[in-house]
Amino acid sequence: MMHSRQHGIGMTSERTRDRLVNRLRQEGISNERVLDVLRRTPRHLFLDEALSSRAYEDTALPIGMGQTISQPYIVARMTSALLENDQLDSVLEIGTGSGYQTAILAPLVRRVYTVERIASLLEQAKNRLAALRLRNIRTRHADGIMGMPEFAPFDGIIVTAAPEGIPLVLVDQLKIGGRMILPIGDRDAQALVRVTRTSDGYERELLEAVNFVPLLGGAV
């Protein structure tokens, strides 16, 4: 079924994707590598068929289990803030969700490690990523807040749900100079933050106001 949807007409047309990328550029996304991957990645594959027609709107959409696929602007913003202009070797993603952010990262870094606490979401994401022939991804069903310490240190970490503060267990899994992009805050107020690990702790930079689902512990 996935392959037939990949070649659909209209919602997946080049013009539709170009329109989305142009909108992101107008909103301040300037990393052309990130924009090119967003243009080439079929976002409709990461949604239920009933929502496919909205895949290239710049909006978050539900994916079930109380989770959402982030709006393309936020995916582009977080990915650009993570990469800057560097070539990153290994990136850890906390919260695989639909797999869309994973699919954007995979062509841009050497290896992506991604953790998801909801087994059913992870299985769907793995099938989508396999259909796109993205082979540099290692997945895990686990409580994401613990990260993947055995593969640390990472050049970058991206967290796609909001803890109330900066998880030090994840900061400890960054290389010195490595960056973590995450939303922090409660349901009422959240900010996107870039954390850079230093030799004696970390530095924090506020990027902009955001709205994410909360980061929950435990695997289900």
N, C-alpha and C. Protein backbone atom coordinates (compact mmCIF):
# COMPACT_ATOMS: atom_id res chain seq x y z
N MET A 1 0.83 -1.20 0.00
CA MET A 1 0.00 0.00 0.00
C MET A 1 0.87 1.25 0.00
N MET A 2 1.97 1.16 0.73
CA MET A 2 2.81 2.35 0.86
C MET A 2 3.36 2.79 -0.49
N HIS A 3 3.74 1.79 -1.32
CA HIS A 3 4.35 2.17 -2.58
C HIS A 3 3.34 2.84 -3.51
N SER A 4 2.07 2.39 -3.49
CA SER A 4 1.08 3.02 -4.34
C SER A 4 0.82 4.46 -3.90
N ARG A 5 0.85 4.70 -2.57
CA ARG A 5 0.64 6.06 -2.08
C ARG A 5 1.82 6.95 -2.41
N GLN A 6 3.00 6.36 -2.53
CA GLN A 6 4.18 7.17 -2.77
C GLN A 6 4.10 7.90 -4.11
N HIS A 7 3.34 7.33 -5.03
CA HIS A 7 3.26 7.91 -6.37
C HIS A 7 1.93 8.58 -6.63
N GLY A 8 1.23 8.96 -5.56
CA GLY A 8 -0.06 9.65 -5.72
C GLY A 8 0.10 10.99 -6.41
N ILE A 9 -1.02 11.55 -6.82
CA ILE A 9 -1.01 12.81 -7.58
C ILE A 9 -1.62 13.90 -6.71
N GLY A 10 -1.30 15.13 -6.99
CA GLY A 10 -1.93 16.25 -6.29
C GLY A 10 -1.19 16.59 -5.02
N MET A 11 -1.59 15.94 -3.91
CA MET A 11 -1.01 16.28 -2.61
C MET A 11 0.49 16.04 -2.56
N THR A 12 0.98 15.12 -3.40
CA THR A 12 2.40 14.79 -3.38
C THR A 12 3.16 15.45 -4.53
N SER A 13 2.50 16.31 -5.28
CA SER A 13 3.14 16.88 -6.46
C SER A 13 4.32 17.76 -6.09
N GLU A 14 5.22 17.88 -7.04
CA GLU A 14 6.41 18.70 -6.83
C GLU A 14 6.02 20.14 -6.47
N ARG A 15 5.00 20.65 -7.12
CA ARG A 15 4.57 22.02 -6.87
C ARG A 15 4.11 22.20 -5.41
N THR A 16 3.39 21.19 -4.89
CA THR A 16 2.91 21.25 -3.51
C THR A 16 4.07 21.30 -2.53
N ARG A 17 5.08 20.47 -2.78
CA ARG A 17 6.24 20.45 -1.89
C ARG A 17 7.07 21.71 -2.03
N ASP A 18 7.21 22.21 -3.26
CA ASP A 18 7.95 23.46 -3.46
C ASP A 18 7.29 24.61 -2.72
N ARG A 19 5.96 24.62 -2.72
CA ARG A 19 5.22 25.68 -2.02
C ARG A 19 5.53 25.64 -0.53
N LEU A 20 5.57 24.43 0.05
CA LEU A 20 5.90 24.28 1.47
C LEU A 20 7.31 24.79 1.75
N VAL A 21 8.26 24.40 0.93
CA VAL A 21 9.65 24.80 1.14
C VAL A 21 9.80 26.31 1.01
N ASN A 22 9.11 26.91 0.05
CA ASN A 22 9.16 28.36 -0.10
C ASN A 22 8.61 29.07 1.12
N ARG A 23 7.54 28.50 1.70
CA ARG A 23 6.96 29.08 2.91
C ARG A 23 7.97 29.00 4.06
N LEU A 24 8.64 27.86 4.19
CA LEU A 24 9.63 27.70 5.26
C LEU A 24 10.78 28.68 5.08
N ARG A 25 11.17 28.90 3.84
CA ARG A 25 12.25 29.86 3.57
C ARG A 25 11.82 31.27 3.99
N GLN A 26 10.58 31.61 3.70
CA GLN A 26 10.05 32.93 4.09
C GLN A 26 9.98 33.07 5.61
N GLU A 27 9.81 31.95 6.31
CA GLU A 27 9.73 31.97 7.77
C GLU A 27 11.11 31.93 8.43
N GLY A 28 12.17 31.96 7.63
CA GLY A 28 13.51 32.10 8.18
C GLY A 28 14.38 30.88 8.14
N ILE A 29 13.91 29.78 7.56
CA ILE A 29 14.75 28.59 7.44
C ILE A 29 15.68 28.79 6.24
N SER A 30 16.98 28.79 6.52
CA SER A 30 17.93 29.13 5.45
C SER A 30 18.91 28.01 5.11
N ASN A 31 18.90 26.91 5.87
CA ASN A 31 19.81 25.80 5.58
C ASN A 31 19.29 25.03 4.37
N GLU A 32 19.98 25.18 3.25
CA GLU A 32 19.49 24.60 1.99
C GLU A 32 19.53 23.08 2.01
N ARG A 33 20.47 22.49 2.74
CA ARG A 33 20.50 21.02 2.85
C ARG A 33 19.24 20.51 3.54
N VAL A 34 18.84 21.19 4.60
CA VAL A 34 17.62 20.80 5.32
C VAL A 34 16.40 21.00 4.44
N LEU A 35 16.32 22.13 3.75
CA LEU A 35 15.18 22.40 2.88
C LEU A 35 15.08 21.38 1.75
N ASP A 36 16.22 20.96 1.21
CA ASP A 36 16.22 19.99 0.12
C ASP A 36 15.68 18.64 0.60
N VAL A 37 16.10 18.22 1.81
CA VAL A 37 15.61 16.94 2.35
C VAL A 37 14.11 17.04 2.63
N LEU A 38 13.65 18.17 3.15
CA LEU A 38 12.22 18.35 3.38
C LEU A 38 11.44 18.28 2.07
N ARG A 39 11.99 18.84 1.03
CA ARG A 39 11.32 18.82 -0.28
C ARG A 39 11.21 17.39 -0.79
N ARG A 40 12.24 16.58 -0.55
CA ARG A 40 12.28 15.23 -1.12
C ARG A 40 11.57 14.18 -0.27
N THR A 41 11.27 14.49 0.98
CA THR A 41 10.70 13.48 1.88
C THR A 41 9.17 13.48 1.80
N PRO A 42 8.56 12.35 1.48
CA PRO A 42 7.10 12.27 1.30
C PRO A 42 6.37 12.25 2.65
N ARG A 43 6.03 13.43 3.16
CA ARG A 43 5.42 13.52 4.50
C ARG A 43 4.09 12.77 4.57
N HIS A 44 3.39 12.65 3.44
CA HIS A 44 2.09 11.97 3.47
C HIS A 44 2.21 10.50 3.88
N LEU A 45 3.39 9.90 3.69
CA LEU A 45 3.58 8.51 4.09
C LEU A 45 3.58 8.33 5.60
N PHE A 46 3.77 9.43 6.34
CA PHE A 46 3.87 9.36 7.79
C PHE A 46 2.54 9.66 8.48
N LEU A 47 1.48 9.73 7.69
CA LEU A 47 0.15 10.05 8.21
C LEU A 47 -0.85 8.99 7.80
N ASP A 48 -1.94 8.87 8.56
CA ASP A 48 -3.05 8.03 8.11
C ASP A 48 -3.58 8.59 6.80
N GLU A 49 -4.10 7.69 5.98
CA GLU A 49 -4.57 8.10 4.65
C GLU A 49 -5.61 9.21 4.73
N ALA A 50 -6.42 9.21 5.78
CA ALA A 50 -7.48 10.22 5.91
C ALA A 50 -6.90 11.63 6.04
N LEU A 51 -5.65 11.74 6.50
CA LEU A 51 -5.02 13.06 6.67
C LEU A 51 -4.01 13.38 5.57
N SER A 52 -3.85 12.46 4.63
CA SER A 52 -2.81 12.64 3.60
C SER A 52 -2.93 13.95 2.84
N SER A 53 -4.16 14.38 2.60
CA SER A 53 -4.36 15.59 1.80
C SER A 53 -3.83 16.83 2.52
N ARG A 54 -3.58 16.72 3.84
CA ARG A 54 -3.08 17.87 4.60
C ARG A 54 -1.58 17.76 4.87
N ALA A 55 -0.93 16.79 4.27
CA ALA A 55 0.46 16.48 4.61
C ALA A 55 1.41 17.63 4.38
N TYR A 56 1.15 18.47 3.38
CA TYR A 56 2.10 19.54 3.04
C TYR A 56 1.63 20.91 3.51
N GLU A 57 0.67 20.90 4.43
CA GLU A 57 0.37 22.13 5.17
C GLU A 57 1.43 22.27 6.26
N ASP A 58 1.72 23.49 6.62
CA ASP A 58 2.71 23.72 7.68
C ASP A 58 2.00 23.68 9.04
N THR A 59 1.59 22.48 9.41
CA THR A 59 0.84 22.33 10.66
C THR A 59 1.14 20.97 11.28
N ALA A 60 1.04 20.90 12.61
CA ALA A 60 1.12 19.61 13.31
C ALA A 60 -0.17 18.85 13.09
N LEU A 61 -0.08 17.52 13.02
CA LEU A 61 -1.26 16.68 12.78
C LEU A 61 -1.22 15.47 13.70
N PRO A 62 -2.38 14.93 14.09
CA PRO A 62 -2.41 13.77 15.00
C PRO A 62 -1.94 12.49 14.31
N ILE A 63 -1.24 11.64 15.08
CA ILE A 63 -0.80 10.34 14.55
C ILE A 63 -1.31 9.21 15.44
N GLY A 64 -2.22 9.51 16.39
CA GLY A 64 -2.74 8.49 17.28
C GLY A 64 -1.96 8.41 18.58
N MET A 65 -2.52 7.70 19.57
CA MET A 65 -1.87 7.50 20.86
C MET A 65 -1.56 8.82 21.56
N GLY A 66 -2.33 9.86 21.24
CA GLY A 66 -2.12 11.16 21.88
C GLY A 66 -0.89 11.90 21.39
N GLN A 67 -0.29 11.44 20.27
CA GLN A 67 0.93 12.03 19.74
C GLN A 67 0.64 12.78 18.45
N THR A 68 1.60 13.61 18.03
CA THR A 68 1.44 14.38 16.79
C THR A 68 2.70 14.26 15.94
N ILE A 69 2.54 14.52 14.65
CA ILE A 69 3.69 14.75 13.76
C ILE A 69 3.92 16.25 13.77
N SER A 70 5.15 16.67 14.08
CA SER A 70 5.44 18.10 14.21
C SER A 70 5.23 18.83 12.89
N GLN A 71 4.91 20.11 12.99
CA GLN A 71 4.76 20.90 11.77
C GLN A 71 6.11 21.00 11.07
N PRO A 72 6.13 21.04 9.74
CA PRO A 72 7.40 21.08 9.01
C PRO A 72 8.32 22.22 9.44
N TYR A 73 7.76 23.39 9.77
CA TYR A 73 8.62 24.50 10.22
C TYR A 73 9.43 24.10 11.45
N ILE A 74 8.78 23.45 12.43
CA ILE A 74 9.46 23.07 13.66
C ILE A 74 10.53 22.00 13.38
N VAL A 75 10.19 21.04 12.52
CA VAL A 75 11.17 20.02 12.13
C VAL A 75 12.39 20.68 11.48
N ALA A 76 12.13 21.61 10.56
CA ALA A 76 13.22 22.32 9.88
C ALA A 76 14.03 23.17 10.86
N ARG A 77 13.33 23.84 11.76
CA ARG A 77 14.00 24.71 12.75
C ARG A 77 14.89 23.91 13.68
N MET A 78 14.35 22.80 14.20
CA MET A 78 15.13 21.98 15.12
C MET A 78 16.32 21.33 14.41
N THR A 79 16.09 20.85 13.20
CA THR A 79 17.17 20.20 12.45
C THR A 79 18.27 21.20 12.11
N SER A 80 17.88 22.40 11.67
CA SER A 80 18.87 23.44 11.35
C SER A 80 19.66 23.85 12.58
N ALA A 81 18.96 24.01 13.72
CA ALA A 81 19.63 24.42 14.96
C ALA A 81 20.58 23.33 15.45
N LEU A 82 20.24 22.08 15.19
CA LEU A 82 21.11 20.98 15.58
C LEU A 82 22.36 20.93 14.71
N LEU A 83 22.18 21.06 13.40
CA LEU A 83 23.29 20.89 12.47
C LEU A 83 24.20 22.11 12.41
N GLU A 84 23.59 23.33 12.55
CA GLU A 84 24.31 24.55 12.20
C GLU A 84 24.89 24.31 10.81
N ASN A 85 26.19 24.51 10.63
CA ASN A 85 26.79 24.19 9.33
C ASN A 85 27.78 23.04 9.45
N ASP A 86 27.63 22.24 10.51
CA ASP A 86 28.57 21.15 10.75
C ASP A 86 28.08 19.86 10.11
N GLN A 87 29.01 18.93 9.91
CA GLN A 87 28.68 17.58 9.48
C GLN A 87 28.70 16.69 10.72
N LEU A 88 27.53 16.28 11.19
CA LEU A 88 27.46 15.50 12.41
C LEU A 88 27.57 14.01 12.09
N ASP A 89 28.24 13.29 12.99
CA ASP A 89 28.45 11.87 12.80
C ASP A 89 27.28 11.07 13.38
N SER A 90 26.99 11.27 14.67
CA SER A 90 25.94 10.49 15.31
C SER A 90 24.96 11.40 16.04
N VAL A 91 23.66 11.14 15.83
CA VAL A 91 22.60 11.93 16.46
C VAL A 91 21.62 10.97 17.14
N LEU A 92 21.24 11.32 18.36
CA LEU A 92 20.23 10.57 19.11
C LEU A 92 18.92 11.34 19.06
N GLU A 93 17.84 10.65 18.71
CA GLU A 93 16.50 11.25 18.71
C GLU A 93 15.68 10.60 19.82
N ILE A 94 15.11 11.42 20.68
CA ILE A 94 14.22 10.93 21.74
C ILE A 94 12.79 11.19 21.30
N GLY A 95 12.05 10.12 21.00
CA GLY A 95 10.67 10.24 20.53
C GLY A 95 10.57 10.06 19.03
N THR A 96 10.60 8.81 18.57
CA THR A 96 10.53 8.54 17.12
C THR A 96 9.20 9.00 16.55
N GLY A 97 8.11 8.77 17.29
CA GLY A 97 6.78 9.17 16.82
C GLY A 97 6.44 8.54 15.49
N SER A 98 6.05 9.35 14.53
CA SER A 98 5.70 8.86 13.19
C SER A 98 6.93 8.43 12.40
N GLY A 99 8.11 8.91 12.79
CA GLY A 99 9.33 8.64 12.04
C GLY A 99 9.71 9.76 11.09
N TYR A 100 8.89 10.81 11.02
CA TYR A 100 9.16 11.89 10.05
C TYR A 100 10.44 12.65 10.38
N GLN A 101 10.61 13.07 11.62
CA GLN A 101 11.85 13.77 11.98
C GLN A 101 13.06 12.87 11.75
N THR A 102 12.91 11.57 12.04
CA THR A 102 13.98 10.59 11.81
C THR A 102 14.36 10.57 10.33
N ALA A 103 13.34 10.58 9.48
CA ALA A 103 13.57 10.53 8.03
C ALA A 103 14.25 11.80 7.51
N ILE A 104 14.02 12.93 8.18
CA ILE A 104 14.68 14.17 7.78
C ILE A 104 16.15 14.14 8.23
N LEU A 105 16.40 13.60 9.41
CA LEU A 105 17.78 13.54 9.91
C LEU A 105 18.65 12.57 9.12
N ALA A 106 18.08 11.43 8.72
CA ALA A 106 18.89 10.33 8.18
C ALA A 106 19.78 10.72 6.99
N PRO A 107 19.31 11.51 6.01
CA PRO A 107 20.20 11.87 4.91
C PRO A 107 21.26 12.92 5.29
N LEU A 108 21.12 13.51 6.48
CA LEU A 108 21.96 14.65 6.85
C LEU A 108 23.08 14.30 7.83
N VAL A 109 23.00 13.12 8.45
CA VAL A 109 24.03 12.70 9.41
C VAL A 109 24.43 11.26 9.10
N ARG A 110 25.56 10.82 9.67
CA ARG A 110 26.05 9.48 9.33
C ARG A 110 25.18 8.39 9.95
N ARG A 111 24.77 8.59 11.23
CA ARG A 111 23.94 7.58 11.87
C ARG A 111 22.95 8.23 12.84
N VAL A 112 21.70 7.74 12.77
CA VAL A 112 20.65 8.21 13.68
C VAL A 112 20.28 7.07 14.62
N TYR A 113 20.27 7.37 15.91
CA TYR A 113 19.75 6.45 16.93
C TYR A 113 18.45 7.06 17.42
N THR A 114 17.37 6.27 17.45
CA THR A 114 16.09 6.84 17.82
C THR A 114 15.34 5.93 18.78
N VAL A 115 14.75 6.52 19.81
CA VAL A 115 14.07 5.78 20.87
C VAL A 115 12.60 6.21 20.92
N GLU A 116 11.71 5.23 21.03
CA GLU A 116 10.27 5.50 21.14
C GLU A 116 9.69 4.62 22.25
N ARG A 117 8.86 5.21 23.11
CA ARG A 117 8.29 4.47 24.24
C ARG A 117 7.02 3.72 23.88
N ILE A 118 6.36 4.06 22.75
CA ILE A 118 5.09 3.43 22.36
C ILE A 118 5.38 2.43 21.23
N ALA A 119 5.24 1.15 21.55
CA ALA A 119 5.66 0.10 20.61
C ALA A 119 4.93 0.18 19.28
N SER A 120 3.62 0.44 19.30
CA SER A 120 2.85 0.45 18.04
C SER A 120 3.30 1.58 17.12
N LEU A 121 3.63 2.73 17.68
CA LEU A 121 4.13 3.84 16.86
C LEU A 121 5.48 3.48 16.26
N LEU A 122 6.34 2.84 17.06
CA LEU A 122 7.68 2.51 16.57
C LEU A 122 7.61 1.51 15.42
N GLU A 123 6.71 0.52 15.51
CA GLU A 123 6.59 -0.46 14.43
C GLU A 123 6.17 0.22 13.13
N GLN A 124 5.19 1.12 13.21
CA GLN A 124 4.77 1.86 12.01
C GLN A 124 5.92 2.69 11.44
N ALA A 125 6.64 3.36 12.33
CA ALA A 125 7.76 4.20 11.88
C ALA A 125 8.83 3.36 11.20
N LYS A 126 9.15 2.21 11.77
CA LYS A 126 10.18 1.34 11.18
C LYS A 126 9.78 0.90 9.78
N ASN A 127 8.50 0.59 9.58
CA ASN A 127 8.03 0.19 8.25
C ASN A 127 8.16 1.33 7.24
N ARG A 128 7.82 2.54 7.68
CA ARG A 128 7.93 3.70 6.78
C ARG A 128 9.38 3.99 6.42
N LEU A 129 10.26 3.94 7.40
CA LEU A 129 11.67 4.22 7.15
C LEU A 129 12.29 3.16 6.25
N ALA A 130 11.87 1.90 6.44
CA ALA A 130 12.37 0.82 5.58
C ALA A 130 11.89 1.01 4.14
N ALA A 131 10.63 1.46 3.98
CA ALA A 131 10.09 1.68 2.63
C ALA A 131 10.84 2.79 1.90
N LEU A 132 11.37 3.74 2.66
CA LEU A 132 12.15 4.83 2.07
C LEU A 132 13.63 4.47 1.92
N ARG A 133 13.98 3.22 2.29
CA ARG A 133 15.34 2.70 2.15
C ARG A 133 16.37 3.52 2.93
N LEU A 134 15.95 3.98 4.10
CA LEU A 134 16.87 4.70 4.99
C LEU A 134 17.50 3.67 5.91
N ARG A 135 18.79 3.40 5.71
CA ARG A 135 19.43 2.25 6.37
C ARG A 135 20.40 2.64 7.48
N ASN A 136 20.54 3.92 7.76
CA ASN A 136 21.52 4.35 8.77
C ASN A 136 20.84 4.71 10.09
N ILE A 137 19.75 3.99 10.40
CA ILE A 137 18.94 4.29 11.58
C ILE A 137 18.90 3.06 12.49
N ARG A 138 19.16 3.27 13.76
CA ARG A 138 19.00 2.21 14.76
C ARG A 138 17.86 2.61 15.69
N THR A 139 16.86 1.76 15.81
CA THR A 139 15.69 2.07 16.62
C THR A 139 15.69 1.28 17.92
N ARG A 140 14.96 1.80 18.90
CA ARG A 140 14.80 1.08 20.17
C ARG A 140 13.45 1.41 20.79
N HIS A 141 12.80 0.39 21.32
CA HIS A 141 11.57 0.58 22.10
C HIS A 141 11.97 0.64 23.57
N ALA A 142 11.90 1.83 24.15
CA ALA A 142 12.36 2.01 25.53
C ALA A 142 11.89 3.36 26.04
N ASP A 143 12.13 3.58 27.33
CA ASP A 143 11.91 4.88 27.95
C ASP A 143 12.99 5.83 27.43
N GLY A 144 12.58 6.78 26.61
CA GLY A 144 13.56 7.63 25.93
C GLY A 144 14.37 8.53 26.84
N ILE A 145 13.85 8.83 28.01
CA ILE A 145 14.54 9.78 28.88
C ILE A 145 15.92 9.27 29.28
N MET A 146 16.14 7.94 29.17
CA MET A 146 17.44 7.38 29.52
C MET A 146 18.43 7.44 28.37
N GLY A 147 17.93 7.76 27.17
CA GLY A 147 18.82 7.85 26.01
C GLY A 147 19.33 6.49 25.58
N MET A 148 20.54 6.48 24.99
CA MET A 148 21.22 5.24 24.61
C MET A 148 22.68 5.36 25.04
N PRO A 149 22.94 5.25 26.34
CA PRO A 149 24.28 5.54 26.85
C PRO A 149 25.39 4.67 26.24
N GLU A 150 25.03 3.45 25.82
CA GLU A 150 26.09 2.58 25.27
C GLU A 150 26.60 3.05 23.92
N PHE A 151 25.86 3.95 23.24
CA PHE A 151 26.32 4.49 21.96
C PHE A 151 26.85 5.92 22.09
N ALA A 152 26.81 6.45 23.30
CA ALA A 152 27.32 7.81 23.56
C ALA A 152 28.85 7.78 23.50
N PRO A 153 29.48 8.95 23.31
CA PRO A 153 28.85 10.27 23.22
C PRO A 153 28.36 10.60 21.81
N PHE A 154 27.29 11.40 21.74
CA PHE A 154 26.69 11.80 20.47
C PHE A 154 27.11 13.23 20.10
N ASP A 155 27.17 13.48 18.79
CA ASP A 155 27.40 14.85 18.32
C ASP A 155 26.19 15.73 18.58
N GLY A 156 25.01 15.10 18.53
CA GLY A 156 23.78 15.87 18.72
C GLY A 156 22.68 15.00 19.28
N ILE A 157 21.74 15.64 19.97
CA ILE A 157 20.54 14.98 20.48
C ILE A 157 19.36 15.88 20.15
N ILE A 158 18.27 15.27 19.69
CA ILE A 158 17.05 16.02 19.41
C ILE A 158 15.92 15.36 20.18
N VAL A 159 15.15 16.15 20.91
CA VAL A 159 14.08 15.63 21.76
C VAL A 159 12.76 16.19 21.24
N THR A 160 11.82 15.29 20.91
CA THR A 160 10.60 15.74 20.22
C THR A 160 9.37 15.74 21.13
N ALA A 161 9.60 15.79 22.44
CA ALA A 161 8.54 16.00 23.43
C ALA A 161 9.16 16.81 24.55
N ALA A 162 8.31 17.46 25.35
CA ALA A 162 8.83 18.48 26.27
C ALA A 162 8.96 17.98 27.72
N PRO A 163 10.21 17.88 28.23
CA PRO A 163 10.38 17.73 29.67
C PRO A 163 10.22 19.10 30.34
N GLU A 164 10.07 19.11 31.64
CA GLU A 164 9.91 20.40 32.33
C GLU A 164 11.24 21.11 32.53
N GLY A 165 12.33 20.36 32.49
CA GLY A 165 13.67 20.95 32.60
C GLY A 165 14.63 20.19 31.72
N ILE A 166 15.88 20.57 31.73
CA ILE A 166 16.89 19.93 30.88
C ILE A 166 17.33 18.61 31.51
N PRO A 167 17.14 17.47 30.82
CA PRO A 167 17.52 16.17 31.38
C PRO A 167 19.05 15.99 31.38
N LEU A 168 19.63 16.02 32.57
CA LEU A 168 21.09 15.92 32.67
C LEU A 168 21.60 14.57 32.20
N VAL A 169 20.76 13.52 32.30
CA VAL A 169 21.18 12.20 31.82
C VAL A 169 21.44 12.24 30.31
N LEU A 170 20.75 13.13 29.60
CA LEU A 170 20.98 13.28 28.16
C LEU A 170 22.17 14.21 27.89
N VAL A 171 22.29 15.28 28.66
CA VAL A 171 23.46 16.17 28.51
C VAL A 171 24.74 15.34 28.64
N ASP A 172 24.75 14.40 29.59
CA ASP A 172 25.93 13.57 29.82
C ASP A 172 26.26 12.66 28.64
N GLN A 173 25.30 12.47 27.72
CA GLN A 173 25.54 11.62 26.55
C GLN A 173 26.01 12.41 25.33
N LEU A 174 26.20 13.73 25.49
CA LEU A 174 26.74 14.56 24.42
C LEU A 174 28.27 14.60 24.48
N LYS A 175 28.88 14.72 23.32
CA LYS A 175 30.32 15.05 23.28
C LYS A 175 30.51 16.46 23.80
N ILE A 176 31.71 16.78 24.25
CA ILE A 176 32.03 18.16 24.57
C ILE A 176 31.87 18.97 23.28
N GLY A 177 31.08 20.02 23.33
CA GLY A 177 30.77 20.80 22.13
C GLY A 177 29.54 20.32 21.39
N GLY A 178 29.01 19.15 21.80
CA GLY A 178 27.80 18.61 21.17
C GLY A 178 26.58 19.43 21.55
N ARG A 179 25.54 19.35 20.72
CA ARG A 179 24.34 20.17 20.92
C ARG A 179 23.10 19.30 21.11
N MET A 180 22.22 19.75 21.98
CA MET A 180 20.91 19.12 22.15
C MET A 180 19.83 20.17 21.90
N ILE A 181 18.86 19.84 21.05
CA ILE A 181 17.74 20.72 20.75
C ILE A 181 16.50 20.09 21.38
N LEU A 182 15.81 20.85 22.22
CA LEU A 182 14.62 20.29 22.87
C LEU A 182 13.68 21.40 23.32
N PRO A 183 12.38 21.07 23.40
CA PRO A 183 11.44 22.00 24.04
C PRO A 183 11.45 21.72 25.53
N ILE A 184 11.38 22.77 26.35
CA ILE A 184 11.23 22.56 27.79
C ILE A 184 10.08 23.42 28.30
N GLY A 185 9.42 22.94 29.35
CA GLY A 185 8.31 23.68 29.93
C GLY A 185 7.12 22.78 30.20
N ASP A 186 6.02 23.38 30.64
CA ASP A 186 4.80 22.62 30.91
C ASP A 186 3.81 22.85 29.78
N ARG A 187 2.57 22.39 29.97
CA ARG A 187 1.57 22.50 28.89
C ARG A 187 1.23 23.96 28.57
N ASP A 188 1.44 24.86 29.52
CA ASP A 188 1.04 26.26 29.34
C ASP A 188 2.11 27.11 28.66
N ALA A 189 3.37 26.77 28.86
CA ALA A 189 4.45 27.59 28.30
C ALA A 189 5.68 26.73 28.06
N GLN A 190 6.12 26.72 26.80
CA GLN A 190 7.31 25.95 26.43
C GLN A 190 8.21 26.80 25.55
N ALA A 191 9.51 26.54 25.65
CA ALA A 191 10.48 27.22 24.80
C ALA A 191 11.38 26.18 24.16
N LEU A 192 11.73 26.42 22.90
CA LEU A 192 12.72 25.59 22.22
C LEU A 192 14.10 26.08 22.65
N VAL A 193 14.94 25.15 23.06
CA VAL A 193 16.23 25.49 23.66
C VAL A 193 17.34 24.72 22.95
N ARG A 194 18.49 25.37 22.77
CA ARG A 194 19.69 24.67 22.31
C ARG A 194 20.67 24.61 23.47
N VAL A 195 21.04 23.39 23.86
CA VAL A 195 21.98 23.14 24.95
C VAL A 195 23.29 22.69 24.33
N THR A 196 24.38 23.34 24.69
CA THR A 196 25.71 22.94 24.21
C THR A 196 26.53 22.44 25.40
N ARG A 197 27.01 21.21 25.30
CA ARG A 197 27.80 20.67 26.41
C ARG A 197 29.19 21.33 26.43
N THR A 198 29.63 21.71 27.61
CA THR A 198 30.95 22.29 27.80
C THR A 198 31.76 21.38 28.72
N SER A 199 33.03 21.70 28.90
CA SER A 199 33.89 20.85 29.72
C SER A 199 33.47 20.85 31.19
N ASP A 200 32.72 21.88 31.60
CA ASP A 200 32.32 21.93 33.01
C ASP A 200 30.80 22.03 33.19
N GLY A 201 30.04 21.58 32.19
CA GLY A 201 28.57 21.63 32.32
C GLY A 201 27.92 21.85 30.97
N TYR A 202 27.07 22.88 30.88
CA TYR A 202 26.43 23.17 29.60
C TYR A 202 26.02 24.63 29.55
N GLU A 203 25.85 25.11 28.30
CA GLU A 203 25.30 26.44 28.05
C GLU A 203 23.93 26.28 27.41
N ARG A 204 23.03 27.21 27.69
CA ARG A 204 21.65 27.12 27.20
C ARG A 204 21.30 28.37 26.41
N GLU A 205 20.67 28.16 25.26
CA GLU A 205 20.26 29.27 24.40
C GLU A 205 18.78 29.10 24.06
N LEU A 206 17.97 30.11 24.37
CA LEU A 206 16.54 30.07 24.04
C LEU A 206 16.36 30.41 22.56
N LEU A 207 15.55 29.62 21.85
CA LEU A 207 15.34 29.85 20.42
C LEU A 207 13.98 30.50 20.14
N GLU A 208 12.89 29.88 20.59
CA GLU A 208 11.57 30.47 20.37
C GLU A 208 10.51 29.70 21.14
N ALA A 209 9.32 30.28 21.25
CA ALA A 209 8.20 29.61 21.92
C ALA A 209 7.67 28.49 21.04
N VAL A 210 7.31 27.35 21.66
CA VAL A 210 6.81 26.19 20.93
C VAL A 210 5.69 25.54 21.73
N ASN A 211 5.10 24.49 21.15
CA ASN A 211 4.05 23.74 21.82
C ASN A 211 4.18 22.27 21.46
N PHE A 212 4.68 21.45 22.39
CA PHE A 212 4.89 20.02 22.17
C PHE A 212 4.08 19.22 23.19
N VAL A 213 3.87 17.93 22.86
CA VAL A 213 3.31 17.03 23.88
C VAL A 213 4.38 16.84 24.96
N PRO A 214 3.96 16.53 26.22
CA PRO A 214 4.93 16.36 27.28
C PRO A 214 5.77 15.09 27.11
N LEU A 215 7.01 15.13 27.60
CA LEU A 215 7.88 13.95 27.59
C LEU A 215 7.49 13.06 28.77
N LEU A 216 7.09 11.85 28.46
CA LEU A 216 6.63 10.90 29.48
C LEU A 216 7.64 9.79 29.66
N GLY A 217 7.71 9.23 30.86
CA GLY A 217 8.60 8.11 31.13
C GLY A 217 7.89 6.79 30.91
N GLY A 218 8.65 5.71 30.92
CA GLY A 218 8.08 4.37 30.79
C GLY A 218 7.84 3.97 29.35
N ALA A 219 7.92 2.66 29.08
CA ALA A 219 7.68 2.14 27.73
C ALA A 219 6.35 1.39 27.74
N VAL A 220 5.57 1.55 26.67
CA VAL A 220 4.25 0.89 26.58
C VAL A 220 4.10 0.21 25.23
